[in-house]
């Protein structure tokens, strides 16, 4: 938690049971639950339920996503399912999403839940790590990568421009990785337009 707070500028609050929450101003950016491993992605929906792949649906107010305010430095700003399988039917059925091929090995998921269709997530077919990859907004990717090194983390992928925008992949000293996205205009960076 200290590593991500140092890179992303979170204000950390201790919670009961050894958990912590990370805040950006008045918005909850992440909650670290004692004993959990990896990022757990929560999507908005009609009824609360668990999904496969370390994700779930909650019917409460969505804090981050295509209909939330633009992400600030340190806030979640995108998620991508990294998978070895090009199958996405279960996600479409479970969440009422549509999909379209947006690039080689990449599918963009959209939802019209609150009006016109907007990008909600992506799926990248890859042989690398499997599961949901969480992206966080940063004002300056190069400066954030320098901070990662200062805090004994690793930059797994140097700043690179992809269809989402300028990104870098990082890992904390004790494990746990995420992607940094520079100055996204909205949820999904360049996909929001």
N, C-alpha and C. Protein backbone atom coordinates (compact mmCIF):
# COMPACT_ATOMS: atom_id res chain seq x y z
N UNK A 1 0.83 -1.19 0.00
CA UNK A 1 0.00 0.00 0.00
C UNK A 1 0.88 1.25 0.00
N UNK A 2 1.94 1.24 0.80
CA UNK A 2 2.83 2.40 0.87
C UNK A 2 3.46 2.70 -0.49
N UNK A 3 3.85 1.64 -1.22
CA UNK A 3 4.45 1.83 -2.53
C UNK A 3 3.47 2.52 -3.48
N UNK A 4 2.26 1.98 -3.60
CA UNK A 4 1.28 2.58 -4.52
C UNK A 4 0.88 3.98 -4.07
N UNK A 5 0.79 4.20 -2.76
CA UNK A 5 0.50 5.53 -2.26
C UNK A 5 1.60 6.50 -2.65
N UNK A 6 2.86 6.05 -2.57
CA UNK A 6 3.99 6.90 -2.94
C UNK A 6 4.04 7.23 -4.41
N UNK A 7 3.65 6.29 -5.25
CA UNK A 7 3.66 6.52 -6.71
C UNK A 7 2.43 7.29 -7.15
N UNK A 8 1.28 6.97 -6.57
CA UNK A 8 0.01 7.52 -7.05
C UNK A 8 -0.52 8.68 -6.20
N UNK A 9 0.17 9.00 -5.11
CA UNK A 9 -0.24 10.14 -4.31
C UNK A 9 -1.47 9.92 -3.45
N UNK A 10 -1.76 8.68 -3.09
CA UNK A 10 -2.94 8.40 -2.28
C UNK A 10 -2.75 8.87 -0.84
N UNK A 11 -3.84 9.26 -0.22
CA UNK A 11 -3.91 9.40 1.23
C UNK A 11 -4.40 8.06 1.74
N UNK A 12 -3.65 7.43 2.63
CA UNK A 12 -3.97 6.08 3.10
C UNK A 12 -4.66 6.15 4.45
N UNK A 13 -5.74 5.39 4.58
CA UNK A 13 -6.49 5.30 5.83
C UNK A 13 -6.55 3.83 6.25
N UNK A 14 -6.16 3.54 7.50
CA UNK A 14 -6.25 2.18 8.03
C UNK A 14 -7.71 1.84 8.27
N UNK A 15 -8.08 0.64 7.87
CA UNK A 15 -9.45 0.14 8.04
C UNK A 15 -9.44 -1.02 9.02
N UNK A 16 -10.60 -1.42 9.54
CA UNK A 16 -10.66 -2.58 10.45
C UNK A 16 -10.14 -3.85 9.78
N UNK A 17 -9.57 -4.74 10.56
CA UNK A 17 -9.12 -6.03 10.06
C UNK A 17 -7.81 -5.99 9.32
N UNK A 18 -7.04 -4.92 9.45
CA UNK A 18 -5.74 -4.85 8.79
C UNK A 18 -5.80 -4.39 7.34
N UNK A 19 -6.95 -3.91 6.90
CA UNK A 19 -7.08 -3.42 5.53
C UNK A 19 -6.79 -1.93 5.48
N UNK A 20 -6.62 -1.41 4.25
CA UNK A 20 -6.34 0.00 4.05
C UNK A 20 -7.12 0.50 2.85
N UNK A 21 -7.44 1.79 2.86
CA UNK A 21 -8.04 2.41 1.68
C UNK A 21 -7.14 3.55 1.23
N UNK A 22 -7.08 3.73 -0.08
CA UNK A 22 -6.29 4.79 -0.68
C UNK A 22 -7.22 5.81 -1.33
N UNK A 23 -7.06 7.07 -0.97
CA UNK A 23 -7.97 8.13 -1.42
C UNK A 23 -7.23 9.17 -2.26
N UNK A 24 -7.94 9.69 -3.24
CA UNK A 24 -7.49 10.85 -4.02
C UNK A 24 -8.55 11.92 -3.75
N UNK A 25 -8.19 12.88 -2.91
CA UNK A 25 -9.19 13.87 -2.49
C UNK A 25 -10.33 13.16 -1.78
N UNK A 26 -11.55 13.39 -2.25
CA UNK A 26 -12.73 12.79 -1.63
C UNK A 26 -13.18 11.50 -2.30
N UNK A 27 -12.37 10.96 -3.21
CA UNK A 27 -12.75 9.75 -3.95
C UNK A 27 -11.88 8.56 -3.56
N UNK A 28 -12.53 7.44 -3.29
CA UNK A 28 -11.83 6.20 -3.00
C UNK A 28 -11.18 5.69 -4.28
N UNK A 29 -9.87 5.49 -4.26
CA UNK A 29 -9.15 5.00 -5.44
C UNK A 29 -8.95 3.50 -5.38
N UNK A 30 -8.69 2.96 -4.19
CA UNK A 30 -8.45 1.52 -4.05
C UNK A 30 -8.62 1.13 -2.59
N UNK A 31 -8.96 -0.13 -2.40
CA UNK A 31 -9.04 -0.68 -1.06
C UNK A 31 -8.19 -1.93 -1.05
N UNK A 32 -7.28 -2.02 -0.10
CA UNK A 32 -6.42 -3.17 0.05
C UNK A 32 -6.98 -4.00 1.20
N UNK A 33 -7.37 -5.24 0.88
CA UNK A 33 -7.97 -6.13 1.86
C UNK A 33 -6.93 -7.15 2.29
N UNK A 34 -6.72 -7.26 3.59
CA UNK A 34 -5.73 -8.19 4.12
C UNK A 34 -6.00 -9.60 3.60
N UNK A 35 -4.96 -10.23 3.08
CA UNK A 35 -5.07 -11.60 2.60
C UNK A 35 -5.41 -11.73 1.13
N UNK A 36 -5.95 -10.69 0.50
CA UNK A 36 -6.28 -10.75 -0.93
C UNK A 36 -5.03 -10.60 -1.76
N UNK A 37 -5.03 -11.18 -2.95
CA UNK A 37 -3.90 -11.07 -3.87
C UNK A 37 -4.39 -10.49 -5.18
N UNK A 38 -3.73 -9.50 -5.68
CA UNK A 38 -4.07 -8.93 -6.97
C UNK A 38 -5.24 -7.95 -6.89
N UNK A 39 -5.50 -7.30 -8.00
CA UNK A 39 -6.59 -6.34 -8.08
C UNK A 39 -7.90 -7.07 -8.28
N UNK A 40 -8.91 -6.65 -7.56
CA UNK A 40 -10.27 -7.18 -7.72
C UNK A 40 -11.08 -6.07 -8.38
N UNK A 41 -11.59 -6.33 -9.56
CA UNK A 41 -12.32 -5.32 -10.32
C UNK A 41 -13.81 -5.45 -10.03
N UNK A 42 -14.46 -4.32 -9.72
CA UNK A 42 -15.89 -4.31 -9.43
C UNK A 42 -16.59 -3.49 -10.50
N UNK A 43 -17.53 -4.12 -11.21
CA UNK A 43 -18.30 -3.46 -12.26
C UNK A 43 -19.68 -3.09 -11.73
N UNK A 44 -20.27 -2.04 -12.29
CA UNK A 44 -21.63 -1.65 -11.94
C UNK A 44 -22.63 -2.55 -12.62
N UNK A 45 -23.72 -2.85 -11.94
CA UNK A 45 -24.76 -3.70 -12.52
C UNK A 45 -26.03 -3.65 -11.71
N UNK A 46 -26.97 -4.50 -12.07
CA UNK A 46 -28.28 -4.50 -11.41
C UNK A 46 -28.29 -5.24 -10.08
N UNK A 47 -27.50 -6.30 -9.97
CA UNK A 47 -27.49 -7.08 -8.74
C UNK A 47 -26.07 -7.46 -8.35
N UNK A 48 -25.81 -7.48 -7.07
CA UNK A 48 -24.48 -7.82 -6.56
C UNK A 48 -24.21 -9.31 -6.77
N UNK A 49 -23.03 -9.63 -7.38
CA UNK A 49 -22.68 -11.03 -7.59
C UNK A 49 -21.19 -11.13 -7.92
N UNK A 50 -20.64 -12.31 -7.70
CA UNK A 50 -19.25 -12.60 -8.04
C UNK A 50 -19.18 -13.04 -9.50
N UNK A 51 -18.12 -12.67 -10.17
CA UNK A 51 -17.84 -13.11 -11.53
C UNK A 51 -16.55 -13.90 -11.51
N UNK A 52 -16.19 -14.52 -12.60
CA UNK A 52 -14.91 -15.21 -12.69
C UNK A 52 -13.80 -14.19 -12.88
N UNK A 53 -12.56 -14.63 -12.70
CA UNK A 53 -11.42 -13.78 -13.01
C UNK A 53 -11.18 -12.65 -12.03
N UNK A 54 -11.41 -12.87 -10.71
CA UNK A 54 -11.15 -11.86 -9.69
C UNK A 54 -11.92 -10.57 -9.95
N UNK A 55 -13.21 -10.74 -10.22
CA UNK A 55 -14.07 -9.58 -10.47
C UNK A 55 -15.46 -9.86 -9.93
N UNK A 56 -16.23 -8.79 -9.79
CA UNK A 56 -17.60 -8.93 -9.30
C UNK A 56 -18.43 -7.77 -9.81
N UNK A 57 -19.72 -7.82 -9.50
CA UNK A 57 -20.66 -6.76 -9.86
C UNK A 57 -21.24 -6.23 -8.56
N UNK A 58 -21.41 -4.93 -8.47
CA UNK A 58 -22.05 -4.30 -7.32
C UNK A 58 -23.12 -3.36 -7.86
N UNK A 59 -24.25 -3.31 -7.18
CA UNK A 59 -25.34 -2.45 -7.64
C UNK A 59 -25.26 -1.04 -7.08
N UNK A 60 -24.27 -0.75 -6.27
CA UNK A 60 -24.11 0.59 -5.69
C UNK A 60 -23.60 1.59 -6.70
N UNK A 61 -23.33 2.79 -6.24
CA UNK A 61 -22.84 3.87 -7.09
C UNK A 61 -21.44 3.53 -7.60
N UNK A 62 -21.25 3.63 -8.91
CA UNK A 62 -19.95 3.36 -9.52
C UNK A 62 -19.04 4.56 -9.27
N UNK A 63 -17.85 4.30 -8.70
CA UNK A 63 -16.93 5.37 -8.36
C UNK A 63 -16.05 5.79 -9.53
N UNK A 64 -15.73 4.84 -10.42
CA UNK A 64 -14.85 5.10 -11.55
C UNK A 64 -15.41 4.36 -12.75
N UNK A 65 -15.31 4.96 -13.91
CA UNK A 65 -15.82 4.31 -15.11
C UNK A 65 -16.23 5.33 -16.14
N UNK A 66 -16.87 4.86 -17.22
CA UNK A 66 -17.17 5.75 -18.34
C UNK A 66 -18.17 6.85 -18.03
N UNK A 67 -18.99 6.71 -16.99
CA UNK A 67 -19.96 7.76 -16.66
C UNK A 67 -19.57 8.54 -15.41
N UNK A 68 -18.42 8.23 -14.82
CA UNK A 68 -17.92 8.95 -13.65
C UNK A 68 -17.14 10.18 -14.11
N UNK A 69 -16.83 11.09 -13.19
CA UNK A 69 -16.01 12.24 -13.57
C UNK A 69 -14.65 11.79 -14.11
N UNK A 70 -14.00 12.64 -14.93
CA UNK A 70 -12.68 12.26 -15.46
C UNK A 70 -11.71 11.89 -14.32
N UNK A 71 -10.88 10.88 -14.56
CA UNK A 71 -9.96 10.44 -13.49
C UNK A 71 -8.89 11.48 -13.19
N UNK A 72 -8.58 11.59 -11.89
CA UNK A 72 -7.50 12.45 -11.43
C UNK A 72 -6.26 11.58 -11.19
N UNK A 73 -5.10 12.23 -11.06
CA UNK A 73 -3.85 11.53 -10.77
C UNK A 73 -4.07 10.58 -9.60
N UNK A 74 -3.76 9.30 -9.82
CA UNK A 74 -3.86 8.30 -8.77
C UNK A 74 -5.15 7.50 -8.78
N UNK A 75 -6.09 7.85 -9.65
CA UNK A 75 -7.36 7.13 -9.68
C UNK A 75 -7.38 6.07 -10.78
N UNK A 76 -8.16 4.99 -10.57
CA UNK A 76 -8.31 4.01 -11.63
C UNK A 76 -8.89 4.69 -12.87
N UNK A 77 -8.40 4.28 -14.06
CA UNK A 77 -8.87 4.94 -15.28
C UNK A 77 -9.14 3.96 -16.42
N UNK A 78 -8.91 2.64 -16.20
CA UNK A 78 -9.16 1.65 -17.25
C UNK A 78 -8.86 0.27 -16.70
N UNK A 79 -9.47 -0.76 -17.28
CA UNK A 79 -9.15 -2.14 -16.97
C UNK A 79 -9.12 -2.94 -18.27
N UNK A 80 -8.20 -3.90 -18.32
CA UNK A 80 -8.12 -4.80 -19.47
C UNK A 80 -7.99 -6.22 -18.96
N UNK A 81 -8.74 -7.12 -19.58
CA UNK A 81 -8.63 -8.53 -19.28
C UNK A 81 -7.51 -9.11 -20.12
N UNK A 82 -6.45 -9.56 -19.48
CA UNK A 82 -5.32 -10.19 -20.16
C UNK A 82 -5.60 -11.69 -20.15
N UNK A 83 -5.72 -12.28 -21.30
CA UNK A 83 -6.11 -13.69 -21.37
C UNK A 83 -5.44 -14.40 -22.52
N UNK A 84 -5.27 -15.69 -22.37
CA UNK A 84 -4.72 -16.51 -23.43
C UNK A 84 -5.78 -16.99 -24.39
N UNK A 85 -7.05 -16.72 -24.06
CA UNK A 85 -8.17 -17.19 -24.89
C UNK A 85 -8.89 -16.00 -25.52
N UNK A 86 -9.20 -16.09 -26.80
CA UNK A 86 -9.94 -14.99 -27.44
C UNK A 86 -11.43 -15.00 -27.14
N UNK A 87 -11.91 -15.89 -26.29
CA UNK A 87 -13.34 -16.00 -25.97
C UNK A 87 -13.76 -14.86 -25.03
N UNK A 88 -14.87 -14.19 -25.34
CA UNK A 88 -15.37 -13.16 -24.43
C UNK A 88 -16.87 -13.24 -24.21
N UNK A 89 -17.51 -14.29 -24.66
CA UNK A 89 -18.95 -14.43 -24.54
C UNK A 89 -19.48 -14.35 -23.13
N UNK A 90 -18.75 -14.91 -22.16
CA UNK A 90 -19.25 -14.88 -20.78
C UNK A 90 -19.32 -13.46 -20.24
N UNK A 91 -18.36 -12.61 -20.60
CA UNK A 91 -18.38 -11.23 -20.12
C UNK A 91 -19.53 -10.46 -20.77
N UNK A 92 -19.75 -10.69 -22.03
CA UNK A 92 -20.82 -10.00 -22.73
C UNK A 92 -22.17 -10.36 -22.13
N UNK A 93 -22.40 -11.65 -21.90
CA UNK A 93 -23.66 -12.10 -21.33
C UNK A 93 -23.84 -11.65 -19.88
N UNK A 94 -22.78 -11.76 -19.09
CA UNK A 94 -22.88 -11.44 -17.66
C UNK A 94 -23.11 -9.96 -17.40
N UNK A 95 -22.58 -9.09 -18.26
CA UNK A 95 -22.64 -7.66 -17.99
C UNK A 95 -23.43 -6.86 -19.02
N UNK A 96 -23.95 -7.52 -20.03
CA UNK A 96 -24.74 -6.82 -21.04
C UNK A 96 -23.90 -5.93 -21.95
N UNK A 97 -22.64 -6.31 -22.15
CA UNK A 97 -21.74 -5.51 -22.97
C UNK A 97 -21.82 -5.92 -24.43
N UNK A 98 -21.35 -5.05 -25.27
CA UNK A 98 -21.13 -5.33 -26.69
C UNK A 98 -19.61 -5.38 -26.88
N UNK A 99 -19.16 -5.97 -27.98
CA UNK A 99 -17.73 -5.99 -28.23
C UNK A 99 -17.46 -5.69 -29.69
N UNK A 100 -16.26 -5.16 -29.93
CA UNK A 100 -15.80 -4.96 -31.31
C UNK A 100 -14.30 -5.12 -31.32
N UNK A 101 -13.81 -5.70 -32.39
CA UNK A 101 -12.37 -5.85 -32.56
C UNK A 101 -11.80 -4.46 -32.84
N UNK A 102 -10.83 -4.05 -32.02
CA UNK A 102 -10.28 -2.70 -32.15
C UNK A 102 -8.85 -2.70 -32.67
N UNK A 103 -8.17 -3.80 -32.54
CA UNK A 103 -6.79 -3.95 -33.02
C UNK A 103 -6.48 -5.44 -33.00
N UNK A 104 -5.36 -5.82 -33.59
CA UNK A 104 -4.98 -7.23 -33.57
C UNK A 104 -4.86 -7.70 -32.13
N UNK A 105 -5.53 -8.78 -31.79
CA UNK A 105 -5.52 -9.38 -30.46
C UNK A 105 -6.17 -8.51 -29.39
N UNK A 106 -6.89 -7.44 -29.78
CA UNK A 106 -7.53 -6.57 -28.79
C UNK A 106 -9.01 -6.38 -29.13
N UNK A 107 -9.85 -6.56 -28.12
CA UNK A 107 -11.29 -6.35 -28.25
C UNK A 107 -11.70 -5.27 -27.26
N UNK A 108 -12.51 -4.35 -27.73
CA UNK A 108 -13.03 -3.26 -26.89
C UNK A 108 -14.44 -3.64 -26.46
N UNK A 109 -14.70 -3.62 -25.15
CA UNK A 109 -16.04 -3.86 -24.62
C UNK A 109 -16.72 -2.51 -24.40
N UNK A 110 -17.98 -2.41 -24.81
CA UNK A 110 -18.74 -1.18 -24.62
C UNK A 110 -20.06 -1.50 -23.92
N UNK A 111 -20.63 -0.46 -23.31
CA UNK A 111 -21.92 -0.59 -22.64
C UNK A 111 -22.76 0.65 -22.94
N UNK A 112 -24.04 0.44 -23.10
CA UNK A 112 -24.99 1.55 -23.29
C UNK A 112 -25.91 1.63 -22.07
N UNK A 113 -25.43 1.19 -20.93
CA UNK A 113 -26.21 1.11 -19.69
C UNK A 113 -26.83 2.46 -19.30
N UNK A 114 -26.12 3.54 -19.50
CA UNK A 114 -26.62 4.86 -19.08
C UNK A 114 -26.70 5.83 -20.26
N UNK A 115 -27.03 5.35 -21.43
CA UNK A 115 -27.11 6.23 -22.61
C UNK A 115 -26.36 5.62 -23.77
N UNK A 116 -25.74 6.48 -24.57
CA UNK A 116 -24.98 6.00 -25.73
C UNK A 116 -23.85 5.09 -25.33
N UNK A 117 -23.42 4.19 -26.22
CA UNK A 117 -22.36 3.25 -25.87
C UNK A 117 -21.05 3.94 -25.54
N UNK A 118 -20.42 3.44 -24.48
CA UNK A 118 -19.11 3.95 -24.06
C UNK A 118 -18.19 2.77 -23.77
N UNK A 119 -16.90 3.00 -23.95
CA UNK A 119 -15.91 1.96 -23.66
C UNK A 119 -15.86 1.70 -22.16
N UNK A 120 -15.95 0.42 -21.76
CA UNK A 120 -15.91 0.06 -20.34
C UNK A 120 -14.67 -0.75 -19.98
N UNK A 121 -14.15 -1.53 -20.93
CA UNK A 121 -12.99 -2.39 -20.65
C UNK A 121 -12.45 -2.92 -21.97
N UNK A 122 -11.29 -3.53 -21.89
CA UNK A 122 -10.70 -4.16 -23.05
C UNK A 122 -10.30 -5.58 -22.75
N UNK A 123 -10.04 -6.34 -23.81
CA UNK A 123 -9.53 -7.69 -23.65
C UNK A 123 -8.36 -7.87 -24.60
N UNK A 124 -7.20 -8.21 -24.06
CA UNK A 124 -6.01 -8.43 -24.85
C UNK A 124 -5.64 -9.91 -24.79
N UNK A 125 -5.60 -10.55 -25.94
CA UNK A 125 -5.16 -11.95 -26.00
C UNK A 125 -3.64 -11.94 -25.99
N UNK A 126 -3.07 -12.58 -24.97
CA UNK A 126 -1.63 -12.53 -24.75
C UNK A 126 -1.15 -13.79 -24.07
N UNK A 127 0.12 -14.07 -24.16
CA UNK A 127 0.70 -15.21 -23.44
C UNK A 127 1.27 -14.76 -22.10
N UNK A 128 1.18 -13.46 -21.81
CA UNK A 128 1.70 -12.93 -20.54
C UNK A 128 0.71 -13.20 -19.41
N UNK A 129 0.85 -12.49 -18.32
CA UNK A 129 0.01 -12.68 -17.14
C UNK A 129 -1.47 -12.66 -17.51
N UNK A 130 -2.23 -13.48 -16.81
CA UNK A 130 -3.66 -13.60 -17.07
C UNK A 130 -4.42 -12.92 -15.93
N UNK A 131 -5.51 -12.26 -16.26
CA UNK A 131 -6.37 -11.62 -15.27
C UNK A 131 -6.60 -10.16 -15.63
N UNK A 132 -7.30 -9.48 -14.76
CA UNK A 132 -7.61 -8.07 -14.99
C UNK A 132 -6.38 -7.22 -14.70
N UNK A 133 -6.01 -6.39 -15.62
CA UNK A 133 -4.92 -5.42 -15.46
C UNK A 133 -5.56 -4.07 -15.18
N UNK A 134 -5.18 -3.46 -14.08
CA UNK A 134 -5.75 -2.18 -13.68
C UNK A 134 -4.83 -1.04 -14.09
N UNK A 135 -5.41 0.01 -14.66
CA UNK A 135 -4.68 1.19 -15.08
C UNK A 135 -5.00 2.33 -14.10
N UNK A 136 -3.98 3.14 -13.78
CA UNK A 136 -4.17 4.31 -12.93
C UNK A 136 -3.70 5.55 -13.67
N UNK A 137 -4.43 6.64 -13.53
CA UNK A 137 -4.09 7.91 -14.16
C UNK A 137 -2.90 8.54 -13.45
N UNK A 138 -1.97 9.09 -14.22
CA UNK A 138 -0.86 9.87 -13.67
C UNK A 138 -0.70 11.12 -14.53
N UNK A 139 -0.19 12.17 -13.94
CA UNK A 139 0.03 13.41 -14.67
C UNK A 139 1.24 13.31 -15.59
N UNK A 140 2.24 12.52 -15.20
CA UNK A 140 3.49 12.43 -15.96
C UNK A 140 4.04 11.02 -15.80
N UNK A 141 3.95 10.20 -16.85
CA UNK A 141 4.40 8.81 -16.78
C UNK A 141 5.89 8.71 -16.47
N UNK A 142 6.72 9.53 -17.09
CA UNK A 142 8.17 9.47 -16.85
C UNK A 142 8.49 9.78 -15.39
N UNK A 143 7.85 10.79 -14.83
CA UNK A 143 8.08 11.15 -13.42
C UNK A 143 7.59 10.03 -12.50
N UNK A 144 6.46 9.42 -12.84
CA UNK A 144 5.93 8.32 -12.02
C UNK A 144 6.89 7.12 -12.06
N UNK A 145 7.46 6.83 -13.24
CA UNK A 145 8.43 5.73 -13.35
C UNK A 145 9.68 6.02 -12.52
N UNK A 146 10.12 7.26 -12.49
CA UNK A 146 11.27 7.63 -11.65
C UNK A 146 10.93 7.40 -10.18
N UNK A 147 9.71 7.72 -9.78
CA UNK A 147 9.27 7.51 -8.40
C UNK A 147 9.22 6.01 -8.08
N UNK A 148 8.79 5.20 -9.03
CA UNK A 148 8.78 3.75 -8.86
C UNK A 148 10.17 3.26 -8.50
N UNK A 149 11.17 3.71 -9.23
CA UNK A 149 12.56 3.30 -8.97
C UNK A 149 13.03 3.78 -7.61
N UNK A 150 12.67 5.00 -7.23
CA UNK A 150 13.05 5.53 -5.91
C UNK A 150 12.48 4.69 -4.78
N UNK A 151 11.31 4.10 -5.00
CA UNK A 151 10.64 3.30 -3.98
C UNK A 151 10.93 1.81 -4.11
N UNK A 152 12.00 1.47 -4.85
CA UNK A 152 12.48 0.10 -5.03
C UNK A 152 11.52 -0.80 -5.81
N UNK A 153 10.63 -0.19 -6.59
CA UNK A 153 9.78 -0.97 -7.48
C UNK A 153 10.48 -1.18 -8.81
N UNK A 154 9.80 -1.83 -9.74
CA UNK A 154 10.38 -2.09 -11.06
C UNK A 154 9.47 -1.54 -12.15
N UNK A 155 10.07 -0.95 -13.14
CA UNK A 155 9.33 -0.56 -14.34
C UNK A 155 9.42 -1.75 -15.28
N UNK A 156 8.30 -2.44 -15.47
CA UNK A 156 8.26 -3.65 -16.30
C UNK A 156 8.25 -3.31 -17.79
N UNK A 157 7.60 -2.21 -18.12
CA UNK A 157 7.55 -1.75 -19.51
C UNK A 157 7.73 -0.24 -19.49
N UNK A 158 8.79 0.23 -20.11
CA UNK A 158 9.08 1.67 -20.17
C UNK A 158 7.92 2.40 -20.87
N UNK A 159 7.81 3.72 -20.68
CA UNK A 159 6.73 4.47 -21.34
C UNK A 159 6.64 4.17 -22.84
N UNK A 160 5.44 3.82 -23.25
CA UNK A 160 5.15 3.40 -24.61
C UNK A 160 3.79 3.94 -25.02
N UNK A 161 3.66 4.36 -26.25
CA UNK A 161 2.36 4.81 -26.74
C UNK A 161 1.62 3.63 -27.37
N UNK A 162 0.40 3.39 -26.89
CA UNK A 162 -0.49 2.35 -27.40
C UNK A 162 -1.83 3.04 -27.72
N UNK A 163 -2.80 2.32 -28.28
CA UNK A 163 -4.07 2.98 -28.61
C UNK A 163 -4.77 3.66 -27.43
N UNK A 164 -4.52 3.21 -26.21
CA UNK A 164 -5.12 3.82 -25.02
C UNK A 164 -4.46 5.16 -24.70
N UNK A 165 -3.18 5.31 -25.00
CA UNK A 165 -2.43 6.52 -24.70
C UNK A 165 -1.00 6.16 -24.30
N UNK A 166 -0.32 7.06 -23.61
CA UNK A 166 1.05 6.83 -23.14
C UNK A 166 0.97 6.05 -21.83
N UNK A 167 1.55 4.84 -21.85
CA UNK A 167 1.47 3.96 -20.67
C UNK A 167 2.86 3.48 -20.26
N UNK A 168 2.92 2.96 -19.03
CA UNK A 168 4.08 2.21 -18.53
C UNK A 168 3.53 1.18 -17.56
N UNK A 169 4.16 0.03 -17.50
CA UNK A 169 3.75 -1.03 -16.58
C UNK A 169 4.75 -1.07 -15.43
N UNK A 170 4.25 -1.17 -14.19
CA UNK A 170 5.12 -1.15 -13.01
C UNK A 170 4.79 -2.30 -12.08
N UNK A 171 5.74 -2.59 -11.19
CA UNK A 171 5.54 -3.63 -10.18
C UNK A 171 6.10 -3.14 -8.85
N UNK A 172 5.37 -3.39 -7.77
CA UNK A 172 5.80 -3.02 -6.43
C UNK A 172 6.92 -3.95 -5.96
N UNK A 173 7.71 -3.54 -4.97
CA UNK A 173 8.81 -4.37 -4.49
C UNK A 173 8.38 -5.76 -4.00
N UNK A 174 7.18 -5.87 -3.45
CA UNK A 174 6.70 -7.15 -2.92
C UNK A 174 5.66 -7.79 -3.84
N UNK A 175 5.66 -7.40 -5.11
CA UNK A 175 4.69 -7.92 -6.05
C UNK A 175 3.51 -6.99 -6.19
N UNK A 176 2.68 -7.26 -7.12
CA UNK A 176 1.55 -6.40 -7.41
C UNK A 176 1.93 -5.43 -8.51
N UNK A 177 1.23 -5.51 -9.61
CA UNK A 177 1.56 -4.66 -10.75
C UNK A 177 0.34 -3.90 -11.22
N UNK A 178 0.59 -2.87 -11.99
CA UNK A 178 -0.48 -2.09 -12.60
C UNK A 178 0.11 -1.36 -13.80
N UNK A 179 -0.75 -0.68 -14.52
CA UNK A 179 -0.32 0.13 -15.65
C UNK A 179 -0.62 1.58 -15.32
N UNK A 180 0.29 2.46 -15.68
CA UNK A 180 0.11 3.91 -15.51
C UNK A 180 -0.28 4.48 -16.86
N UNK A 181 -1.28 5.34 -16.90
CA UNK A 181 -1.75 5.98 -18.13
C UNK A 181 -1.66 7.49 -17.94
N UNK A 182 -0.92 8.15 -18.82
CA UNK A 182 -0.69 9.59 -18.67
C UNK A 182 -1.89 10.41 -19.12
N UNK A 183 -2.35 11.29 -18.23
CA UNK A 183 -3.38 12.30 -18.48
C UNK A 183 -4.57 11.81 -19.31
N UNK A 184 -5.25 10.76 -18.86
CA UNK A 184 -6.41 10.32 -19.62
C UNK A 184 -7.53 11.37 -19.58
N UNK A 185 -8.16 11.61 -20.72
CA UNK A 185 -9.26 12.59 -20.80
C UNK A 185 -10.51 12.05 -20.12
N UNK A 186 -10.58 10.75 -19.98
CA UNK A 186 -11.72 10.09 -19.36
C UNK A 186 -11.40 8.62 -19.20
N UNK A 187 -12.40 7.84 -18.81
CA UNK A 187 -12.22 6.41 -18.61
C UNK A 187 -11.77 5.79 -19.93
N UNK A 188 -10.66 5.09 -19.91
CA UNK A 188 -10.15 4.44 -21.10
C UNK A 188 -9.19 5.28 -21.93
N UNK A 189 -8.82 6.45 -21.42
CA UNK A 189 -7.89 7.28 -22.16
C UNK A 189 -8.42 7.63 -23.54
N UNK A 190 -7.68 7.30 -24.59
CA UNK A 190 -8.09 7.62 -25.95
C UNK A 190 -9.37 6.89 -26.37
N UNK A 191 -9.73 5.77 -25.70
CA UNK A 191 -10.96 5.06 -26.04
C UNK A 191 -12.19 5.85 -25.64
N UNK A 192 -12.07 6.83 -24.73
CA UNK A 192 -13.25 7.57 -24.27
C UNK A 192 -13.80 8.51 -25.33
N UNK A 193 -12.98 8.85 -26.34
CA UNK A 193 -13.42 9.79 -27.38
C UNK A 193 -14.18 9.09 -28.45
